[in-house]
Full PDB file with SEQRES, HELIX, SHEET, SSBOND, CRYST1, ORIGX, SCALE, CONECT and MASTER records, all heavy atoms in Angstrom:
SEQRES   1 A   33  ALA VAL ILE GLY VAL ILE TYR LEU LEU ALA PRO HIS LEU          
SEQRES   2 A   33  LEU LEU ASP VAL TYR GLY VAL ASP ILE GLN SER PRO SER          
SEQRES   3 A   33  GLU ALA ASN ILE PHE ARG SER                                  
HELIX    1 AA1 VAL A    2  LEU A    9  1                                   8    
HELIX    2 AA2 PRO A   11  LEU A   15  1                                   5    
HELIX    3 AA3 ASP A   16  TYR A   18  5                                   3    
HELIX    4 AA4 PRO A   25  ARG A   32  1                                   8    
CRYST1    1.000    1.000    1.000  90.00  90.00  90.00 P 1           1          
ORIGX1      1.000000  0.000000  0.000000        0.00000                         
ORIGX2      0.000000  1.000000  0.000000        0.00000                         
ORIGX3      0.000000  0.000000  1.000000        0.00000                         
SCALE1      1.000000  0.000000  0.000000        0.00000                         
SCALE2      0.000000  1.000000  0.000000        0.00000                         
SCALE3      0.000000  0.000000  1.000000        0.00000                         
ATOM      1  N   ALA A   1     -15.347  -7.346   7.983  1.00  0.00           N  
ATOM      2  CA  ALA A   1     -14.588  -7.882   9.158  1.00  0.00           C  
ATOM      3  C   ALA A   1     -14.329  -9.338   9.179  1.00  0.00           C  
ATOM      4  O   ALA A   1     -13.119  -9.795   9.376  1.00  0.00           O  
ATOM      5  CB  ALA A   1     -15.261  -7.441  10.415  1.00  0.00           C  
ATOM      6  N   VAL A   2     -15.269 -10.117   8.730  1.00  0.00           N  
ATOM      7  CA  VAL A   2     -15.147 -11.585   8.671  1.00  0.00           C  
ATOM      8  C   VAL A   2     -14.043 -11.848   7.701  1.00  0.00           C  
ATOM      9  O   VAL A   2     -13.100 -12.619   7.910  1.00  0.00           O  
ATOM     10  CB  VAL A   2     -16.492 -12.325   8.362  1.00  0.00           C  
ATOM     11  CG1 VAL A   2     -16.307 -13.778   7.954  1.00  0.00           C  
ATOM     12  CG2 VAL A   2     -17.463 -12.079   9.560  1.00  0.00           C  
ATOM     13  N   ILE A   3     -14.079 -11.328   6.402  1.00  0.00           N  
ATOM     14  CA  ILE A   3     -13.213 -11.564   5.405  1.00  0.00           C  
ATOM     15  C   ILE A   3     -11.778 -11.154   5.821  1.00  0.00           C  
ATOM     16  O   ILE A   3     -10.861 -11.846   5.670  1.00  0.00           O  
ATOM     17  CB  ILE A   3     -13.664 -10.946   4.112  1.00  0.00           C  
ATOM     18  CG1 ILE A   3     -14.897 -11.617   3.607  1.00  0.00           C  
ATOM     19  CG2 ILE A   3     -12.535 -10.934   2.978  1.00  0.00           C  
ATOM     20  CD1 ILE A   3     -15.683 -10.761   2.526  1.00  0.00           C  
ATOM     21  N   GLY A   4     -11.823  -9.958   6.342  1.00  0.00           N  
ATOM     22  CA  GLY A   4     -10.431  -9.467   6.919  1.00  0.00           C  
ATOM     23  C   GLY A   4      -9.840 -10.305   7.888  1.00  0.00           C  
ATOM     24  O   GLY A   4      -8.605 -10.608   7.874  1.00  0.00           O  
ATOM     25  N   VAL A   5     -10.539 -10.746   8.965  1.00  0.00           N  
ATOM     26  CA  VAL A   5     -10.027 -11.655   9.897  1.00  0.00           C  
ATOM     27  C   VAL A   5      -9.571 -12.920   9.421  1.00  0.00           C  
ATOM     28  O   VAL A   5      -8.409 -13.500   9.737  1.00  0.00           O  
ATOM     29  CB  VAL A   5     -11.051 -11.836  11.074  1.00  0.00           C  
ATOM     30  CG1 VAL A   5     -10.596 -12.917  12.065  1.00  0.00           C  
ATOM     31  CG2 VAL A   5     -11.226 -10.540  11.900  1.00  0.00           C  
ATOM     32  N   ILE A   6     -10.270 -13.582   8.435  1.00  0.00           N  
ATOM     33  CA  ILE A   6      -9.781 -14.745   7.903  1.00  0.00           C  
ATOM     34  C   ILE A   6      -8.481 -14.556   7.050  1.00  0.00           C  
ATOM     35  O   ILE A   6      -7.656 -15.312   7.208  1.00  0.00           O  
ATOM     36  CB  ILE A   6     -10.848 -15.339   6.934  1.00  0.00           C  
ATOM     37  CG1 ILE A   6     -12.049 -15.833   7.786  1.00  0.00           C  
ATOM     38  CG2 ILE A   6     -10.383 -16.558   6.075  1.00  0.00           C  
ATOM     39  CD1 ILE A   6     -13.387 -16.164   6.953  1.00  0.00           C  
ATOM     40  N   TYR A   7      -8.437 -13.473   6.231  1.00  0.00           N  
ATOM     41  CA  TYR A   7      -7.200 -13.209   5.480  1.00  0.00           C  
ATOM     42  C   TYR A   7      -6.044 -12.887   6.427  1.00  0.00           C  
ATOM     43  O   TYR A   7      -4.968 -13.295   6.147  1.00  0.00           O  
ATOM     44  CB  TYR A   7      -7.384 -11.989   4.575  1.00  0.00           C  
ATOM     45  CG  TYR A   7      -7.885 -12.307   3.205  1.00  0.00           C  
ATOM     46  CD1 TYR A   7      -8.993 -11.824   2.652  1.00  0.00           C  
ATOM     47  CD2 TYR A   7      -7.181 -13.181   2.463  1.00  0.00           C  
ATOM     48  CE1 TYR A   7      -9.432 -12.195   1.407  1.00  0.00           C  
ATOM     49  CE2 TYR A   7      -7.555 -13.511   1.042  1.00  0.00           C  
ATOM     50  CZ  TYR A   7      -8.718 -13.041   0.558  1.00  0.00           C  
ATOM     51  OH  TYR A   7      -9.120 -13.233  -0.732  1.00  0.00           O  
ATOM     52  N   LEU A   8      -6.359 -12.218   7.575  1.00  0.00           N  
ATOM     53  CA  LEU A   8      -5.297 -11.959   8.538  1.00  0.00           C  
ATOM     54  C   LEU A   8      -4.742 -13.192   9.278  1.00  0.00           C  
ATOM     55  O   LEU A   8      -3.540 -13.274   9.449  1.00  0.00           O  
ATOM     56  CB  LEU A   8      -5.879 -10.911   9.523  1.00  0.00           C  
ATOM     57  CG  LEU A   8      -4.910 -10.248  10.561  1.00  0.00           C  
ATOM     58  CD1 LEU A   8      -3.773  -9.429   9.668  1.00  0.00           C  
ATOM     59  CD2 LEU A   8      -5.616  -9.340  11.484  1.00  0.00           C  
ATOM     60  N   LEU A   9      -5.588 -13.987   9.641  1.00  0.00           N  
ATOM     61  CA  LEU A   9      -5.297 -15.162  10.447  1.00  0.00           C  
ATOM     62  C   LEU A   9      -5.051 -16.401   9.659  1.00  0.00           C  
ATOM     63  O   LEU A   9      -4.077 -17.242  10.133  1.00  0.00           O  
ATOM     64  CB  LEU A   9      -6.287 -15.428  11.653  1.00  0.00           C  
ATOM     65  CG  LEU A   9      -6.480 -14.210  12.589  1.00  0.00           C  
ATOM     66  CD1 LEU A   9      -7.628 -14.654  13.545  1.00  0.00           C  
ATOM     67  CD2 LEU A   9      -5.298 -13.830  13.173  1.00  0.00           C  
ATOM     68  N   ALA A  10      -5.695 -16.688   8.666  1.00  0.00           N  
ATOM     69  CA  ALA A  10      -5.570 -17.941   7.872  1.00  0.00           C  
ATOM     70  C   ALA A  10      -5.930 -17.647   6.420  1.00  0.00           C  
ATOM     71  O   ALA A  10      -6.915 -18.130   5.910  1.00  0.00           O  
ATOM     72  CB  ALA A  10      -6.485 -18.981   8.421  1.00  0.00           C  
ATOM     73  N   PRO A  11      -5.150 -17.009   5.714  1.00  0.00           N  
ATOM     74  CA  PRO A  11      -5.370 -16.516   4.278  1.00  0.00           C  
ATOM     75  C   PRO A  11      -5.618 -17.773   3.414  1.00  0.00           C  
ATOM     76  O   PRO A  11      -6.376 -17.668   2.400  1.00  0.00           O  
ATOM     77  CB  PRO A  11      -4.172 -15.711   3.855  1.00  0.00           C  
ATOM     78  CG  PRO A  11      -3.150 -16.005   4.841  1.00  0.00           C  
ATOM     79  CD  PRO A  11      -3.801 -16.378   6.163  1.00  0.00           C  
ATOM     80  N   HIS A  12      -4.903 -18.843   3.698  1.00  0.00           N  
ATOM     81  CA  HIS A  12      -5.112 -20.038   2.758  1.00  0.00           C  
ATOM     82  C   HIS A  12      -6.559 -20.517   2.756  1.00  0.00           C  
ATOM     83  O   HIS A  12      -6.942 -21.157   1.748  1.00  0.00           O  
ATOM     84  CB  HIS A  12      -4.200 -21.169   3.188  1.00  0.00           C  
ATOM     85  CG  HIS A  12      -4.429 -21.706   4.621  1.00  0.00           C  
ATOM     86  ND1 HIS A  12      -4.059 -21.066   5.793  1.00  0.00           N  
ATOM     87  CD2 HIS A  12      -5.233 -22.728   5.041  1.00  0.00           C  
ATOM     88  CE1 HIS A  12      -4.455 -21.714   6.810  1.00  0.00           C  
ATOM     89  NE2 HIS A  12      -5.251 -22.676   6.442  1.00  0.00           N  
ATOM     90  N   LEU A  13      -7.334 -20.215   3.761  1.00  0.00           N  
ATOM     91  CA  LEU A  13      -8.780 -20.705   3.868  1.00  0.00           C  
ATOM     92  C   LEU A  13      -9.562 -20.165   2.695  1.00  0.00           C  
ATOM     93  O   LEU A  13     -10.366 -20.822   2.078  1.00  0.00           O  
ATOM     94  CB  LEU A  13      -9.395 -20.413   5.170  1.00  0.00           C  
ATOM     95  CG  LEU A  13      -8.813 -21.191   6.395  1.00  0.00           C  
ATOM     96  CD1 LEU A  13      -9.653 -20.779   7.671  1.00  0.00           C  
ATOM     97  CD2 LEU A  13      -9.115 -22.701   6.178  1.00  0.00           C  
ATOM     98  N   LEU A  14      -9.264 -18.806   2.419  1.00  0.00           N  
ATOM     99  CA  LEU A  14     -10.042 -18.116   1.349  1.00  0.00           C  
ATOM    100  C   LEU A  14      -9.417 -18.482  -0.040  1.00  0.00           C  
ATOM    101  O   LEU A  14     -10.013 -18.723  -1.057  1.00  0.00           O  
ATOM    102  CB  LEU A  14     -10.179 -16.769   1.605  1.00  0.00           C  
ATOM    103  CG  LEU A  14     -11.117 -16.327   2.576  1.00  0.00           C  
ATOM    104  CD1 LEU A  14     -11.089 -14.835   2.891  1.00  0.00           C  
ATOM    105  CD2 LEU A  14     -12.571 -16.769   2.294  1.00  0.00           C  
ATOM    106  N   LEU A  15      -8.046 -18.454  -0.041  1.00  0.00           N  
ATOM    107  CA  LEU A  15      -7.402 -18.572  -1.275  1.00  0.00           C  
ATOM    108  C   LEU A  15      -7.485 -20.017  -1.856  1.00  0.00           C  
ATOM    109  O   LEU A  15      -7.409 -20.143  -3.095  1.00  0.00           O  
ATOM    110  CB  LEU A  15      -5.832 -18.163  -1.093  1.00  0.00           C  
ATOM    111  CG  LEU A  15      -5.578 -16.754  -0.684  1.00  0.00           C  
ATOM    112  CD1 LEU A  15      -4.233 -16.402  -0.358  1.00  0.00           C  
ATOM    113  CD2 LEU A  15      -6.126 -15.766  -1.806  1.00  0.00           C  
ATOM    114  N   ASP A  16      -7.561 -20.920  -1.025  1.00  0.00           N  
ATOM    115  CA  ASP A  16      -7.732 -22.374  -1.508  1.00  0.00           C  
ATOM    116  C   ASP A  16      -8.969 -22.537  -2.389  1.00  0.00           C  
ATOM    117  O   ASP A  16      -8.962 -23.295  -3.312  1.00  0.00           O  
ATOM    118  CB  ASP A  16      -7.666 -23.351  -0.366  1.00  0.00           C  
ATOM    119  CG  ASP A  16      -6.339 -23.574   0.292  1.00  0.00           C  
ATOM    120  OD1 ASP A  16      -5.403 -23.096  -0.260  1.00  0.00           O  
ATOM    121  OD2 ASP A  16      -6.335 -24.248   1.376  1.00  0.00           O  
ATOM    122  N   VAL A  17     -10.011 -21.743  -1.972  1.00  0.00           N  
ATOM    123  CA  VAL A  17     -11.206 -21.910  -2.775  1.00  0.00           C  
ATOM    124  C   VAL A  17     -11.001 -21.491  -4.291  1.00  0.00           C  
ATOM    125  O   VAL A  17     -11.642 -22.056  -5.128  1.00  0.00           O  
ATOM    126  CB  VAL A  17     -12.278 -20.969  -2.204  1.00  0.00           C  
ATOM    127  CG1 VAL A  17     -13.580 -20.759  -3.087  1.00  0.00           C  
ATOM    128  CG2 VAL A  17     -12.774 -21.378  -0.719  1.00  0.00           C  
ATOM    129  N   TYR A  18     -10.080 -20.521  -4.507  1.00  0.00           N  
ATOM    130  CA  TYR A  18      -9.914 -20.095  -5.888  1.00  0.00           C  
ATOM    131  C   TYR A  18      -8.644 -20.734  -6.482  1.00  0.00           C  
ATOM    132  O   TYR A  18      -8.186 -20.340  -7.564  1.00  0.00           O  
ATOM    133  CB  TYR A  18      -9.679 -18.554  -5.818  1.00  0.00           C  
ATOM    134  CG  TYR A  18     -10.614 -17.850  -4.993  1.00  0.00           C  
ATOM    135  CD1 TYR A  18     -10.331 -17.033  -3.938  1.00  0.00           C  
ATOM    136  CD2 TYR A  18     -11.981 -17.982  -5.190  1.00  0.00           C  
ATOM    137  CE1 TYR A  18     -11.124 -16.357  -3.143  1.00  0.00           C  
ATOM    138  CE2 TYR A  18     -12.983 -17.211  -4.444  1.00  0.00           C  
ATOM    139  CZ  TYR A  18     -12.552 -16.456  -3.394  1.00  0.00           C  
ATOM    140  OH  TYR A  18     -13.453 -15.880  -2.706  1.00  0.00           O  
ATOM    141  N   GLY A  19      -8.064 -21.692  -5.845  1.00  0.00           N  
ATOM    142  CA  GLY A  19      -6.824 -22.370  -6.389  1.00  0.00           C  
ATOM    143  C   GLY A  19      -5.584 -21.501  -6.291  1.00  0.00           C  
ATOM    144  O   GLY A  19      -4.608 -21.816  -7.043  1.00  0.00           O  
ATOM    145  N   VAL A  20      -5.649 -20.566  -5.381  1.00  0.00           N  
ATOM    146  CA  VAL A  20      -4.374 -19.737  -5.180  1.00  0.00           C  
ATOM    147  C   VAL A  20      -3.522 -20.365  -4.011  1.00  0.00           C  
ATOM    148  O   VAL A  20      -4.046 -20.553  -2.895  1.00  0.00           O  
ATOM    149  CB  VAL A  20      -4.699 -18.231  -4.878  1.00  0.00           C  
ATOM    150  CG1 VAL A  20      -3.439 -17.419  -4.520  1.00  0.00           C  
ATOM    151  CG2 VAL A  20      -5.513 -17.642  -5.978  1.00  0.00           C  
ATOM    152  N   ASP A  21      -2.252 -20.590  -4.191  1.00  0.00           N  
ATOM    153  CA  ASP A  21      -1.505 -21.194  -3.132  1.00  0.00           C  
ATOM    154  C   ASP A  21      -0.336 -20.164  -2.704  1.00  0.00           C  
ATOM    155  O   ASP A  21       0.325 -19.572  -3.562  1.00  0.00           O  
ATOM    156  CB  ASP A  21      -0.829 -22.450  -3.667  1.00  0.00           C  
ATOM    157  CG  ASP A  21      -0.098 -23.255  -2.702  1.00  0.00           C  
ATOM    158  OD1 ASP A  21      -0.414 -23.210  -1.469  1.00  0.00           O  
ATOM    159  OD2 ASP A  21       0.893 -23.928  -2.992  1.00  0.00           O  
ATOM    160  N   ILE A  22      -0.265 -19.988  -1.392  1.00  0.00           N  
ATOM    161  CA  ILE A  22       0.788 -19.161  -0.888  1.00  0.00           C  
ATOM    162  C   ILE A  22       2.039 -19.848  -0.878  1.00  0.00           C  
ATOM    163  O   ILE A  22       2.206 -20.897  -0.198  1.00  0.00           O  
ATOM    164  CB  ILE A  22       0.387 -18.631   0.496  1.00  0.00           C  
ATOM    165  CG1 ILE A  22      -0.934 -17.777   0.531  1.00  0.00           C  
ATOM    166  CG2 ILE A  22       1.516 -17.875   1.210  1.00  0.00           C  
ATOM    167  CD1 ILE A  22      -1.370 -17.351   1.816  1.00  0.00           C  
ATOM    168  N   GLN A  23       3.081 -19.373  -1.546  1.00  0.00           N  
ATOM    169  CA  GLN A  23       4.286 -20.030  -1.750  1.00  0.00           C  
ATOM    170  C   GLN A  23       5.495 -19.576  -0.893  1.00  0.00           C  
ATOM    171  O   GLN A  23       6.464 -20.085  -0.824  1.00  0.00           O  
ATOM    172  CB  GLN A  23       4.761 -19.933  -3.204  1.00  0.00           C  
ATOM    173  CG  GLN A  23       3.777 -20.660  -4.185  1.00  0.00           C  
ATOM    174  CD  GLN A  23       3.866 -22.200  -4.029  1.00  0.00           C  
ATOM    175  OE1 GLN A  23       4.900 -22.744  -3.831  1.00  0.00           O  
ATOM    176  NE2 GLN A  23       2.699 -22.803  -4.068  1.00  0.00           N  
ATOM    177  N   SER A  24       5.381 -18.276  -0.240  1.00  0.00           N  
ATOM    178  CA  SER A  24       6.493 -17.704   0.393  1.00  0.00           C  
ATOM    179  C   SER A  24       5.932 -16.699   1.553  1.00  0.00           C  
ATOM    180  O   SER A  24       4.772 -16.409   1.475  1.00  0.00           O  
ATOM    181  CB  SER A  24       7.366 -16.906  -0.546  1.00  0.00           C  
ATOM    182  OG  SER A  24       6.645 -15.721  -0.950  1.00  0.00           O  
ATOM    183  N   PRO A  25       6.801 -16.513   2.526  1.00  0.00           N  
ATOM    184  CA  PRO A  25       6.431 -15.541   3.532  1.00  0.00           C  
ATOM    185  C   PRO A  25       6.040 -14.212   2.958  1.00  0.00           C  
ATOM    186  O   PRO A  25       5.128 -13.514   3.460  1.00  0.00           O  
ATOM    187  CB  PRO A  25       7.637 -15.415   4.368  1.00  0.00           C  
ATOM    188  CG  PRO A  25       8.462 -16.727   4.130  1.00  0.00           C  
ATOM    189  CD  PRO A  25       8.127 -17.073   2.687  1.00  0.00           C  
ATOM    190  N   SER A  26       6.642 -13.765   1.751  1.00  0.00           N  
ATOM    191  CA  SER A  26       6.358 -12.489   1.183  1.00  0.00           C  
ATOM    192  C   SER A  26       4.830 -12.445   0.745  1.00  0.00           C  
ATOM    193  O   SER A  26       4.084 -11.566   0.789  1.00  0.00           O  
ATOM    194  CB  SER A  26       7.342 -12.200   0.168  1.00  0.00           C  
ATOM    195  OG  SER A  26       8.615 -11.932   0.653  1.00  0.00           O  
ATOM    196  N   GLU A  27       4.468 -13.571   0.040  1.00  0.00           N  
ATOM    197  CA  GLU A  27       3.058 -13.662  -0.421  1.00  0.00           C  
ATOM    198  C   GLU A  27       2.146 -13.683   0.762  1.00  0.00           C  
ATOM    199  O   GLU A  27       1.093 -13.006   0.665  1.00  0.00           O  
ATOM    200  CB  GLU A  27       2.937 -15.066  -1.197  1.00  0.00           C  
ATOM    201  CG  GLU A  27       3.596 -14.975  -2.665  1.00  0.00           C  
ATOM    202  CD  GLU A  27       3.636 -16.294  -3.353  1.00  0.00           C  
ATOM    203  OE1 GLU A  27       3.170 -17.378  -2.729  1.00  0.00           O  
ATOM    204  OE2 GLU A  27       3.664 -16.251  -4.505  1.00  0.00           O  
ATOM    205  N   ALA A  28       2.453 -14.360   1.784  1.00  0.00           N  
ATOM    206  CA  ALA A  28       1.577 -14.366   2.915  1.00  0.00           C  
ATOM    207  C   ALA A  28       1.401 -13.030   3.498  1.00  0.00           C  
ATOM    208  O   ALA A  28       0.327 -12.512   3.892  1.00  0.00           O  
ATOM    209  CB  ALA A  28       2.200 -15.367   4.010  1.00  0.00           C  
ATOM    210  N   ASN A  29       2.549 -12.258   3.552  1.00  0.00           N  
ATOM    211  CA  ASN A  29       2.525 -10.908   4.021  1.00  0.00           C  
ATOM    212  C   ASN A  29       1.689  -9.964   3.297  1.00  0.00           C  
ATOM    213  O   ASN A  29       0.984  -9.156   3.878  1.00  0.00           O  
ATOM    214  CB  ASN A  29       4.003 -10.448   4.119  1.00  0.00           C  
ATOM    215  CG  ASN A  29       4.165  -9.037   4.752  1.00  0.00           C  
ATOM    216  OD1 ASN A  29       3.800  -8.074   3.999  1.00  0.00           O  
ATOM    217  ND2 ASN A  29       4.600  -8.944   5.944  1.00  0.00           N  
ATOM    218  N   ILE A  30       1.662 -10.139   1.990  1.00  0.00           N  
ATOM    219  CA  ILE A  30       0.860  -9.314   1.185  1.00  0.00           C  
ATOM    220  C   ILE A  30      -0.582  -9.703   1.406  1.00  0.00           C  
ATOM    221  O   ILE A  30      -1.396  -8.609   1.554  1.00  0.00           O  
ATOM    222  CB  ILE A  30       1.261  -9.621  -0.369  1.00  0.00           C  
ATOM    223  CG1 ILE A  30       2.571  -9.047  -0.696  1.00  0.00           C  
ATOM    224  CG2 ILE A  30       0.008  -9.130  -1.281  1.00  0.00           C  
ATOM    225  CD1 ILE A  30       3.113  -9.468  -2.081  1.00  0.00           C  
ATOM    226  N   PHE A  31      -1.031 -10.834   1.584  1.00  0.00           N  
ATOM    227  CA  PHE A  31      -2.415 -11.079   1.883  1.00  0.00           C  
ATOM    228  C   PHE A  31      -2.843 -10.707   3.162  1.00  0.00           C  
ATOM    229  O   PHE A  31      -3.953 -10.123   3.364  1.00  0.00           O  
ATOM    230  CB  PHE A  31      -2.721 -12.624   1.561  1.00  0.00           C  
ATOM    231  CG  PHE A  31      -2.811 -12.936   0.074  1.00  0.00           C  
ATOM    232  CD1 PHE A  31      -1.855 -13.655  -0.460  1.00  0.00           C  
ATOM    233  CD2 PHE A  31      -3.873 -12.499  -0.667  1.00  0.00           C  
ATOM    234  CE1 PHE A  31      -1.880 -13.950  -1.829  1.00  0.00           C  
ATOM    235  CE2 PHE A  31      -4.053 -12.751  -2.038  1.00  0.00           C  
ATOM    236  CZ  PHE A  31      -3.042 -13.445  -2.558  1.00  0.00           C  
ATOM    237  N   ARG A  32      -1.996 -11.003   4.137  1.00  0.00           N  
ATOM    238  CA  ARG A  32      -2.327 -10.743   5.571  1.00  0.00           C  
ATOM    239  C   ARG A  32      -2.509  -9.117   5.733  1.00  0.00           C  
ATOM    240  O   ARG A  32      -3.319  -8.642   6.485  1.00  0.00           O  
ATOM    241  CB  ARG A  32      -1.303 -11.178   6.529  1.00  0.00           C  
ATOM    242  CG  ARG A  32      -1.385 -12.687   6.733  1.00  0.00           C  
ATOM    243  CD  ARG A  32      -0.373 -13.216   7.700  1.00  0.00           C  
ATOM    244  NE  ARG A  32      -0.028 -14.616   7.634  1.00  0.00           N  
ATOM    245  CZ  ARG A  32      -0.782 -15.597   8.191  1.00  0.00           C  
ATOM    246  NH1 ARG A  32      -1.831 -15.256   8.885  1.00  0.00           N  
ATOM    247  NH2 ARG A  32      -0.466 -16.915   7.980  1.00  0.00           N  
ATOM    248  N   SER A  33      -1.636  -8.347   5.153  1.00  0.00           N  
ATOM    249  CA  SER A  33      -1.664  -6.875   5.365  1.00  0.00           C  
ATOM    250  C   SER A  33      -2.664  -6.293   4.376  1.00  0.00           C  
ATOM    251  O   SER A  33      -3.549  -5.620   4.856  1.00  0.00           O  
ATOM    252  CB  SER A  33      -0.292  -6.191   5.169  1.00  0.00           C  
ATOM    253  OG  SER A  33       0.202  -6.412   3.818  1.00  0.00           O  
TER     254      SER A  33                                                      
MASTER        0    0    0    4    0    0    0    6  253    1    0    3          
END                                                                             
């Protein structure tokens, strides 16, 4: 649940740790859903 809520509301918080950058609304949509 904690991981899911973070990905749903602020995916960049987890992705920044791994050096992954969200570049488009489509990428954000993939991670949020």
